[in-house]
Amino acid sequence: MTELEIAAQLGIRIDVNFASVDDWLRLPGISIHQARSLVELIGMGVQILCIEDLAAALNMPVGRIKPWEAVLSFSYYDPESTLTPAKLNINTANLEELLEKIPLLDAATAKMIVENRNQNGVYRNLADLQRRLGLSSEVISQLLHYLQF
């Protein structure tokens, strides 16, 4: 808990609605399973707006995670805002979803994404996607704001 106090004094904050598994694992007492569940839940569009929401998502008493609050940031993000585009899970999206939700993606690339995934399994990350499809770094740079894995 001392480390949390020091982190808070240094201004370290974790935005719960954008936290990665690694971010969650910085908190004492959280398991890898819980961290992954939170990332998956948030990736599906659920927003965590307060410590009580987080406790409910983890199925834990609020008192047990209350010390985390010193480094957590709870913010609401409008899902319709163009400033924070909703991320699409590339491993579950179909061709129509890819074309509809990723404005800069052309039909040929979207088709290649789905076909390669169906033949070779899920994509692990952006680097895996780039390697498997031979996409340029410019395309990957544009896609990183729209995709999750």
N, C-alpha and C. Protein backbone atom coordinates (compact mmCIF):
# COMPACT_ATOMS: atom_id res chain seq x y z
N MET A 1 0.81 -1.19 0.00
CA MET A 1 0.00 0.00 0.00
C MET A 1 0.86 1.26 0.00
N THR A 2 2.05 1.15 0.57
CA THR A 2 2.96 2.29 0.56
C THR A 2 3.32 2.67 -0.86
N GLU A 3 3.48 1.65 -1.72
CA GLU A 3 3.81 1.92 -3.11
C GLU A 3 2.68 2.67 -3.82
N LEU A 4 1.44 2.37 -3.46
CA LEU A 4 0.31 3.10 -4.04
C LEU A 4 0.34 4.56 -3.62
N GLU A 5 0.66 4.82 -2.37
CA GLU A 5 0.74 6.19 -1.87
C GLU A 5 1.84 6.96 -2.59
N ILE A 6 2.98 6.32 -2.78
CA ILE A 6 4.10 6.96 -3.49
C ILE A 6 3.72 7.24 -4.94
N ALA A 7 3.10 6.26 -5.57
CA ALA A 7 2.66 6.42 -6.96
C ALA A 7 1.68 7.59 -7.08
N ALA A 8 0.74 7.69 -6.16
CA ALA A 8 -0.23 8.78 -6.17
C ALA A 8 0.47 10.13 -5.99
N GLN A 9 1.45 10.19 -5.09
CA GLN A 9 2.20 11.43 -4.86
C GLN A 9 2.98 11.84 -6.11
N LEU A 10 3.45 10.85 -6.87
CA LEU A 10 4.19 11.13 -8.09
C LEU A 10 3.27 11.47 -9.27
N GLY A 11 1.98 11.39 -9.04
CA GLY A 11 1.01 11.72 -10.08
C GLY A 11 0.69 10.59 -11.04
N ILE A 12 1.04 9.38 -10.68
CA ILE A 12 0.75 8.23 -11.54
C ILE A 12 -0.73 7.92 -11.44
N ARG A 13 -1.38 7.81 -12.60
CA ARG A 13 -2.81 7.52 -12.65
C ARG A 13 -3.06 6.41 -13.66
N ILE A 14 -4.04 5.60 -13.39
CA ILE A 14 -4.48 4.55 -14.31
C ILE A 14 -5.92 4.88 -14.68
N ASP A 15 -6.15 5.16 -15.96
CA ASP A 15 -7.50 5.41 -16.45
C ASP A 15 -8.17 4.05 -16.61
N VAL A 16 -9.13 3.77 -15.76
CA VAL A 16 -9.71 2.42 -15.73
C VAL A 16 -10.37 2.02 -17.04
N ASN A 17 -10.84 2.98 -17.81
CA ASN A 17 -11.53 2.64 -19.06
C ASN A 17 -10.58 2.53 -20.26
N PHE A 18 -9.28 2.70 -20.01
CA PHE A 18 -8.28 2.50 -21.05
C PHE A 18 -7.11 1.66 -20.56
N ALA A 19 -7.23 1.10 -19.38
CA ALA A 19 -6.13 0.34 -18.78
C ALA A 19 -5.90 -0.98 -19.51
N SER A 20 -4.63 -1.32 -19.63
CA SER A 20 -4.24 -2.60 -20.22
C SER A 20 -4.11 -3.63 -19.09
N VAL A 21 -3.91 -4.87 -19.46
CA VAL A 21 -3.68 -5.92 -18.46
C VAL A 21 -2.47 -5.55 -17.61
N ASP A 22 -1.41 -5.06 -18.25
CA ASP A 22 -0.22 -4.66 -17.49
C ASP A 22 -0.50 -3.54 -16.50
N ASP A 23 -1.34 -2.59 -16.91
CA ASP A 23 -1.72 -1.51 -15.98
C ASP A 23 -2.41 -2.07 -14.75
N TRP A 24 -3.37 -2.96 -14.97
CA TRP A 24 -4.12 -3.54 -13.85
C TRP A 24 -3.20 -4.33 -12.92
N LEU A 25 -2.24 -5.02 -13.51
CA LEU A 25 -1.35 -5.86 -12.70
C LEU A 25 -0.40 -5.05 -11.81
N ARG A 26 -0.36 -3.75 -11.99
CA ARG A 26 0.43 -2.89 -11.11
C ARG A 26 -0.23 -2.71 -9.75
N LEU A 27 -1.49 -3.07 -9.67
CA LEU A 27 -2.24 -2.92 -8.42
C LEU A 27 -2.04 -4.15 -7.54
N PRO A 28 -1.79 -3.94 -6.25
CA PRO A 28 -1.58 -5.10 -5.36
C PRO A 28 -2.85 -5.91 -5.18
N GLY A 29 -2.71 -7.21 -5.29
CA GLY A 29 -3.83 -8.11 -5.01
C GLY A 29 -4.71 -8.45 -6.18
N ILE A 30 -4.40 -7.96 -7.37
CA ILE A 30 -5.23 -8.30 -8.53
C ILE A 30 -4.56 -9.45 -9.29
N SER A 31 -5.37 -10.37 -9.75
CA SER A 31 -4.82 -11.53 -10.48
C SER A 31 -4.82 -11.26 -11.98
N ILE A 32 -4.07 -12.05 -12.69
CA ILE A 32 -4.03 -11.95 -14.14
C ILE A 32 -5.41 -12.22 -14.73
N HIS A 33 -6.13 -13.16 -14.14
CA HIS A 33 -7.48 -13.48 -14.60
C HIS A 33 -8.40 -12.27 -14.43
N GLN A 34 -8.32 -11.61 -13.29
CA GLN A 34 -9.15 -10.42 -13.06
C GLN A 34 -8.78 -9.30 -14.02
N ALA A 35 -7.48 -9.10 -14.24
CA ALA A 35 -7.02 -8.04 -15.14
C ALA A 35 -7.53 -8.30 -16.56
N ARG A 36 -7.42 -9.52 -17.01
CA ARG A 36 -7.91 -9.86 -18.35
C ARG A 36 -9.41 -9.68 -18.46
N SER A 37 -10.13 -10.07 -17.42
CA SER A 37 -11.59 -9.91 -17.42
C SER A 37 -11.99 -8.45 -17.53
N LEU A 38 -11.28 -7.59 -16.79
CA LEU A 38 -11.58 -6.15 -16.86
C LEU A 38 -11.32 -5.59 -18.25
N VAL A 39 -10.20 -5.95 -18.84
CA VAL A 39 -9.87 -5.46 -20.18
C VAL A 39 -10.91 -5.95 -21.19
N GLU A 40 -11.31 -7.19 -21.07
CA GLU A 40 -12.32 -7.74 -21.98
C GLU A 40 -13.67 -7.05 -21.79
N LEU A 41 -14.06 -6.85 -20.55
CA LEU A 41 -15.33 -6.20 -20.24
C LEU A 41 -15.36 -4.78 -20.80
N ILE A 42 -14.30 -4.03 -20.57
CA ILE A 42 -14.23 -2.66 -21.06
C ILE A 42 -14.16 -2.65 -22.59
N GLY A 43 -13.48 -3.63 -23.15
CA GLY A 43 -13.40 -3.75 -24.61
C GLY A 43 -14.75 -4.00 -25.25
N MET A 44 -15.69 -4.55 -24.49
CA MET A 44 -17.04 -4.81 -25.01
C MET A 44 -17.95 -3.60 -24.82
N GLY A 45 -17.38 -2.49 -24.33
CA GLY A 45 -18.16 -1.26 -24.23
C GLY A 45 -18.65 -0.90 -22.84
N VAL A 46 -18.38 -1.73 -21.84
CA VAL A 46 -18.80 -1.41 -20.47
C VAL A 46 -17.85 -0.36 -19.91
N GLN A 47 -18.40 0.69 -19.34
CA GLN A 47 -17.57 1.72 -18.73
C GLN A 47 -17.65 1.59 -17.21
N ILE A 48 -16.51 1.72 -16.58
CA ILE A 48 -16.42 1.68 -15.12
C ILE A 48 -16.26 3.12 -14.65
N LEU A 49 -17.24 3.61 -13.92
CA LEU A 49 -17.29 5.03 -13.60
C LEU A 49 -16.96 5.37 -12.15
N CYS A 50 -16.84 4.36 -11.29
CA CYS A 50 -16.53 4.63 -9.89
C CYS A 50 -15.96 3.36 -9.25
N ILE A 51 -15.46 3.50 -8.05
CA ILE A 51 -14.85 2.37 -7.34
C ILE A 51 -15.87 1.26 -7.10
N GLU A 52 -17.12 1.64 -6.92
CA GLU A 52 -18.18 0.64 -6.71
C GLU A 52 -18.40 -0.20 -7.97
N ASP A 53 -18.35 0.45 -9.14
CA ASP A 53 -18.46 -0.29 -10.40
C ASP A 53 -17.32 -1.29 -10.55
N LEU A 54 -16.12 -0.84 -10.20
CA LEU A 54 -14.95 -1.71 -10.29
C LEU A 54 -15.09 -2.90 -9.34
N ALA A 55 -15.53 -2.63 -8.12
CA ALA A 55 -15.72 -3.71 -7.15
C ALA A 55 -16.75 -4.72 -7.66
N ALA A 56 -17.83 -4.22 -8.24
CA ALA A 56 -18.86 -5.12 -8.77
C ALA A 56 -18.32 -5.94 -9.93
N ALA A 57 -17.53 -5.32 -10.81
CA ALA A 57 -16.96 -6.04 -11.96
C ALA A 57 -16.01 -7.13 -11.50
N LEU A 58 -15.32 -6.89 -10.39
CA LEU A 58 -14.38 -7.88 -9.86
C LEU A 58 -15.02 -8.83 -8.86
N ASN A 59 -16.28 -8.55 -8.51
CA ASN A 59 -16.99 -9.33 -7.50
C ASN A 59 -16.20 -9.34 -6.18
N MET A 60 -15.78 -8.14 -5.78
CA MET A 60 -15.00 -7.96 -4.56
C MET A 60 -15.65 -6.86 -3.71
N PRO A 61 -15.44 -6.90 -2.40
CA PRO A 61 -15.95 -5.82 -1.57
C PRO A 61 -15.21 -4.50 -1.87
N VAL A 62 -15.94 -3.41 -1.81
CA VAL A 62 -15.35 -2.10 -2.07
C VAL A 62 -14.19 -1.82 -1.13
N GLY A 63 -14.32 -2.19 0.12
CA GLY A 63 -13.27 -1.93 1.11
C GLY A 63 -11.93 -2.55 0.74
N ARG A 64 -11.98 -3.68 0.07
CA ARG A 64 -10.74 -4.36 -0.29
C ARG A 64 -9.95 -3.63 -1.38
N ILE A 65 -10.67 -2.94 -2.27
CA ILE A 65 -9.98 -2.25 -3.36
C ILE A 65 -9.94 -0.73 -3.16
N LYS A 66 -10.50 -0.25 -2.10
CA LYS A 66 -10.52 1.20 -1.82
C LYS A 66 -9.12 1.83 -1.88
N PRO A 67 -8.06 1.18 -1.39
CA PRO A 67 -6.73 1.80 -1.49
C PRO A 67 -6.28 2.07 -2.93
N TRP A 68 -6.79 1.32 -3.88
CA TRP A 68 -6.42 1.53 -5.28
C TRP A 68 -6.88 2.88 -5.79
N GLU A 69 -7.92 3.40 -5.18
CA GLU A 69 -8.55 4.63 -5.65
C GLU A 69 -7.56 5.79 -5.77
N ALA A 70 -6.48 5.74 -4.99
CA ALA A 70 -5.48 6.81 -5.01
C ALA A 70 -4.80 6.95 -6.38
N VAL A 71 -4.75 5.87 -7.15
CA VAL A 71 -4.09 5.93 -8.46
C VAL A 71 -5.04 5.68 -9.63
N LEU A 72 -6.30 5.48 -9.33
CA LEU A 72 -7.26 5.22 -10.40
C LEU A 72 -7.95 6.49 -10.84
N SER A 73 -8.22 6.56 -12.14
CA SER A 73 -8.94 7.69 -12.71
C SER A 73 -10.22 7.14 -13.35
N PHE A 74 -11.35 7.66 -12.91
CA PHE A 74 -12.64 7.22 -13.44
C PHE A 74 -13.20 8.35 -14.31
N SER A 75 -13.32 8.10 -15.59
CA SER A 75 -13.82 9.10 -16.53
C SER A 75 -14.87 8.47 -17.44
N TYR A 76 -15.82 9.30 -17.84
CA TYR A 76 -16.82 8.85 -18.79
C TYR A 76 -16.37 9.23 -20.19
N TYR A 77 -16.49 8.31 -21.13
CA TYR A 77 -16.16 8.56 -22.52
C TYR A 77 -17.39 8.30 -23.37
N ASP A 78 -17.81 9.31 -24.10
CA ASP A 78 -18.98 9.20 -24.97
C ASP A 78 -18.68 8.22 -26.11
N PRO A 79 -19.40 7.12 -26.18
CA PRO A 79 -19.13 6.12 -27.23
C PRO A 79 -19.37 6.65 -28.64
N GLU A 80 -20.13 7.72 -28.78
CA GLU A 80 -20.42 8.29 -30.10
C GLU A 80 -19.39 9.35 -30.51
N SER A 81 -18.49 9.70 -29.62
CA SER A 81 -17.52 10.74 -29.90
C SER A 81 -16.48 10.27 -30.92
N THR A 82 -16.13 11.16 -31.83
CA THR A 82 -15.09 10.84 -32.80
C THR A 82 -13.71 11.01 -32.18
N LEU A 83 -13.65 11.63 -31.01
CA LEU A 83 -12.36 11.82 -30.33
C LEU A 83 -11.85 10.53 -29.72
N THR A 84 -12.75 9.64 -29.35
CA THR A 84 -12.37 8.35 -28.79
C THR A 84 -13.15 7.26 -29.54
N PRO A 85 -12.68 6.87 -30.72
CA PRO A 85 -13.42 5.87 -31.49
C PRO A 85 -13.48 4.54 -30.74
N ALA A 86 -14.65 3.89 -30.85
CA ALA A 86 -14.81 2.59 -30.21
C ALA A 86 -13.89 1.59 -30.90
N LYS A 87 -13.25 0.77 -30.09
CA LYS A 87 -12.33 -0.23 -30.66
C LYS A 87 -13.12 -1.49 -30.98
N LEU A 88 -12.75 -2.09 -32.08
CA LEU A 88 -13.40 -3.28 -32.59
C LEU A 88 -12.48 -4.47 -32.38
N ASN A 89 -13.03 -5.56 -31.86
CA ASN A 89 -12.22 -6.76 -31.69
C ASN A 89 -12.04 -7.43 -33.04
N ILE A 90 -10.83 -7.38 -33.54
CA ILE A 90 -10.52 -7.90 -34.87
C ILE A 90 -10.67 -9.42 -34.95
N ASN A 91 -10.67 -10.08 -33.81
CA ASN A 91 -10.77 -11.54 -33.79
C ASN A 91 -12.21 -12.04 -33.77
N THR A 92 -13.16 -11.14 -33.62
CA THR A 92 -14.57 -11.55 -33.63
C THR A 92 -15.39 -10.81 -34.67
N ALA A 93 -14.86 -9.71 -35.21
CA ALA A 93 -15.61 -8.89 -36.17
C ALA A 93 -15.74 -9.59 -37.51
N ASN A 94 -16.91 -9.44 -38.11
CA ASN A 94 -17.10 -9.98 -39.45
C ASN A 94 -16.76 -8.90 -40.48
N LEU A 95 -16.80 -9.25 -41.74
CA LEU A 95 -16.41 -8.34 -42.81
C LEU A 95 -17.21 -7.04 -42.78
N GLU A 96 -18.51 -7.14 -42.60
CA GLU A 96 -19.37 -5.96 -42.59
C GLU A 96 -19.02 -5.03 -41.43
N GLU A 97 -18.76 -5.59 -40.25
CA GLU A 97 -18.40 -4.77 -39.09
C GLU A 97 -17.08 -4.05 -39.33
N LEU A 98 -16.10 -4.74 -39.90
CA LEU A 98 -14.81 -4.12 -40.19
C LEU A 98 -14.98 -2.92 -41.12
N LEU A 99 -15.76 -3.09 -42.17
CA LEU A 99 -15.96 -2.02 -43.14
C LEU A 99 -16.79 -0.87 -42.56
N GLU A 100 -17.75 -1.19 -41.72
CA GLU A 100 -18.63 -0.17 -41.15
C GLU A 100 -17.94 0.66 -40.06
N LYS A 101 -17.15 0.00 -39.22
CA LYS A 101 -16.61 0.67 -38.04
C LYS A 101 -15.19 1.20 -38.18
N ILE A 102 -14.51 0.81 -39.26
CA ILE A 102 -13.15 1.32 -39.48
C ILE A 102 -13.16 2.06 -40.81
N PRO A 103 -13.35 3.38 -40.77
CA PRO A 103 -13.57 4.15 -41.99
C PRO A 103 -12.42 4.11 -43.00
N LEU A 104 -11.20 3.93 -42.56
CA LEU A 104 -10.07 3.96 -43.48
C LEU A 104 -9.72 2.60 -44.06
N LEU A 105 -10.49 1.57 -43.72
CA LEU A 105 -10.19 0.21 -44.18
C LEU A 105 -10.89 -0.06 -45.50
N ASP A 106 -10.11 -0.50 -46.50
CA ASP A 106 -10.72 -0.82 -47.79
C ASP A 106 -11.23 -2.26 -47.78
N ALA A 107 -12.10 -2.57 -48.73
CA ALA A 107 -12.75 -3.89 -48.77
C ALA A 107 -11.76 -5.03 -48.95
N ALA A 108 -10.74 -4.82 -49.75
CA ALA A 108 -9.76 -5.88 -50.00
C ALA A 108 -8.99 -6.23 -48.73
N THR A 109 -8.58 -5.22 -47.96
CA THR A 109 -7.85 -5.48 -46.72
C THR A 109 -8.75 -6.13 -45.68
N ALA A 110 -9.99 -5.65 -45.58
CA ALA A 110 -10.95 -6.23 -44.63
C ALA A 110 -11.17 -7.72 -44.95
N LYS A 111 -11.32 -8.03 -46.22
CA LYS A 111 -11.52 -9.42 -46.63
C LYS A 111 -10.29 -10.26 -46.29
N MET A 112 -9.11 -9.69 -46.50
CA MET A 112 -7.86 -10.39 -46.19
C MET A 112 -7.76 -10.66 -44.68
N ILE A 113 -8.18 -9.70 -43.87
CA ILE A 113 -8.16 -9.87 -42.41
C ILE A 113 -9.01 -11.06 -42.00
N VAL A 114 -10.22 -11.11 -42.50
CA VAL A 114 -11.15 -12.19 -42.12
C VAL A 114 -10.68 -13.54 -42.65
N GLU A 115 -10.26 -13.59 -43.89
CA GLU A 115 -9.82 -14.86 -44.47
C GLU A 115 -8.58 -15.42 -43.76
N ASN A 116 -7.60 -14.56 -43.48
CA ASN A 116 -6.40 -15.00 -42.79
C ASN A 116 -6.72 -15.48 -41.38
N ARG A 117 -7.61 -14.79 -40.72
CA ARG A 117 -8.02 -15.19 -39.37
C ARG A 117 -8.71 -16.54 -39.39
N ASN A 118 -9.57 -16.75 -40.37
CA ASN A 118 -10.29 -18.03 -40.47
C ASN A 118 -9.34 -19.19 -40.80
N GLN A 119 -8.31 -18.93 -41.58
CA GLN A 119 -7.38 -19.98 -41.97
C GLN A 119 -6.29 -20.23 -40.93
N ASN A 120 -5.80 -19.16 -40.28
CA ASN A 120 -4.61 -19.28 -39.42
C ASN A 120 -4.85 -18.97 -37.95
N GLY A 121 -6.07 -18.73 -37.56
CA GLY A 121 -6.37 -18.46 -36.16
C GLY A 121 -6.34 -16.98 -35.83
N VAL A 122 -6.61 -16.69 -34.56
CA VAL A 122 -6.75 -15.31 -34.11
C VAL A 122 -5.43 -14.55 -34.18
N TYR A 123 -5.57 -13.24 -34.28
CA TYR A 123 -4.40 -12.35 -34.25
C TYR A 123 -4.05 -12.07 -32.80
N ARG A 124 -2.78 -12.14 -32.48
CA ARG A 124 -2.34 -11.91 -31.09
C ARG A 124 -2.22 -10.43 -30.76
N ASN A 125 -1.79 -9.63 -31.75
CA ASN A 125 -1.57 -8.20 -31.53
C ASN A 125 -1.35 -7.54 -32.88
N LEU A 126 -1.06 -6.23 -32.86
CA LEU A 126 -0.85 -5.50 -34.12
C LEU A 126 0.35 -6.02 -34.90
N ALA A 127 1.41 -6.37 -34.19
CA ALA A 127 2.61 -6.88 -34.87
C ALA A 127 2.29 -8.18 -35.60
N ASP A 128 1.50 -9.05 -34.98
CA ASP A 128 1.09 -10.30 -35.60
C ASP A 128 0.24 -10.02 -36.84
N LEU A 129 -0.68 -9.08 -36.74
CA LEU A 129 -1.52 -8.69 -37.87
C LEU A 129 -0.65 -8.17 -39.02
N GLN A 130 0.29 -7.30 -38.71
CA GLN A 130 1.17 -6.72 -39.73
C GLN A 130 2.00 -7.80 -40.42
N ARG A 131 2.57 -8.69 -39.62
CA ARG A 131 3.41 -9.75 -40.17
C ARG A 131 2.61 -10.69 -41.07
N ARG A 132 1.45 -11.12 -40.60
CA ARG A 132 0.66 -12.09 -41.36
C ARG A 132 0.08 -11.53 -42.64
N LEU A 133 -0.27 -10.25 -42.65
CA LEU A 133 -0.90 -9.66 -43.84
C LEU A 133 0.06 -8.83 -44.67
N GLY A 134 1.27 -8.59 -44.16
CA GLY A 134 2.23 -7.78 -44.90
C GLY A 134 1.80 -6.34 -45.04
N LEU A 135 1.13 -5.81 -44.02
CA LEU A 135 0.65 -4.43 -44.07
C LEU A 135 1.79 -3.46 -43.78
N SER A 136 1.70 -2.29 -44.35
CA SER A 136 2.73 -1.27 -44.13
C SER A 136 2.60 -0.69 -42.72
N SER A 137 3.65 -0.08 -42.25
CA SER A 137 3.62 0.53 -40.92
C SER A 137 2.64 1.69 -40.89
N GLU A 138 2.43 2.36 -42.02
CA GLU A 138 1.46 3.47 -42.08
C GLU A 138 0.04 2.96 -41.84
N VAL A 139 -0.29 1.83 -42.46
CA VAL A 139 -1.63 1.25 -42.28
C VAL A 139 -1.81 0.82 -40.83
N ILE A 140 -0.81 0.15 -40.25
CA ILE A 140 -0.90 -0.28 -38.86
C ILE A 140 -1.04 0.92 -37.94
N SER A 141 -0.33 1.99 -38.22
CA SER A 141 -0.43 3.21 -37.40
C SER A 141 -1.85 3.75 -37.40
N GLN A 142 -2.53 3.68 -38.52
CA GLN A 142 -3.91 4.15 -38.61
C GLN A 142 -4.87 3.20 -37.92
N LEU A 143 -4.63 1.90 -38.04
CA LEU A 143 -5.53 0.91 -37.46
C LEU A 143 -5.44 0.81 -35.95
N LEU A 144 -4.31 1.17 -35.36
CA LEU A 144 -4.14 0.95 -33.93
C LEU A 144 -5.16 1.68 -33.07
N HIS A 145 -5.78 2.72 -33.60
CA HIS A 145 -6.80 3.46 -32.86
C HIS A 145 -8.17 2.80 -32.93
N TYR A 146 -8.32 1.83 -33.79
CA TYR A 146 -9.62 1.21 -34.01
C TYR A 146 -9.72 -0.24 -33.58
N LEU A 147 -8.57 -0.90 -33.35
CA LEU A 147 -8.59 -2.34 -33.11
C LEU A 147 -8.22 -2.73 -31.69
N GLN A 148 -8.79 -3.81 -31.26
CA GLN A 148 -8.37 -4.46 -30.02
C GLN A 148 -8.28 -5.95 -30.30
N PHE A 149 -7.57 -6.64 -29.42
CA PHE A 149 -7.31 -8.07 -29.61
C PHE A 149 -7.77 -8.86 -28.41
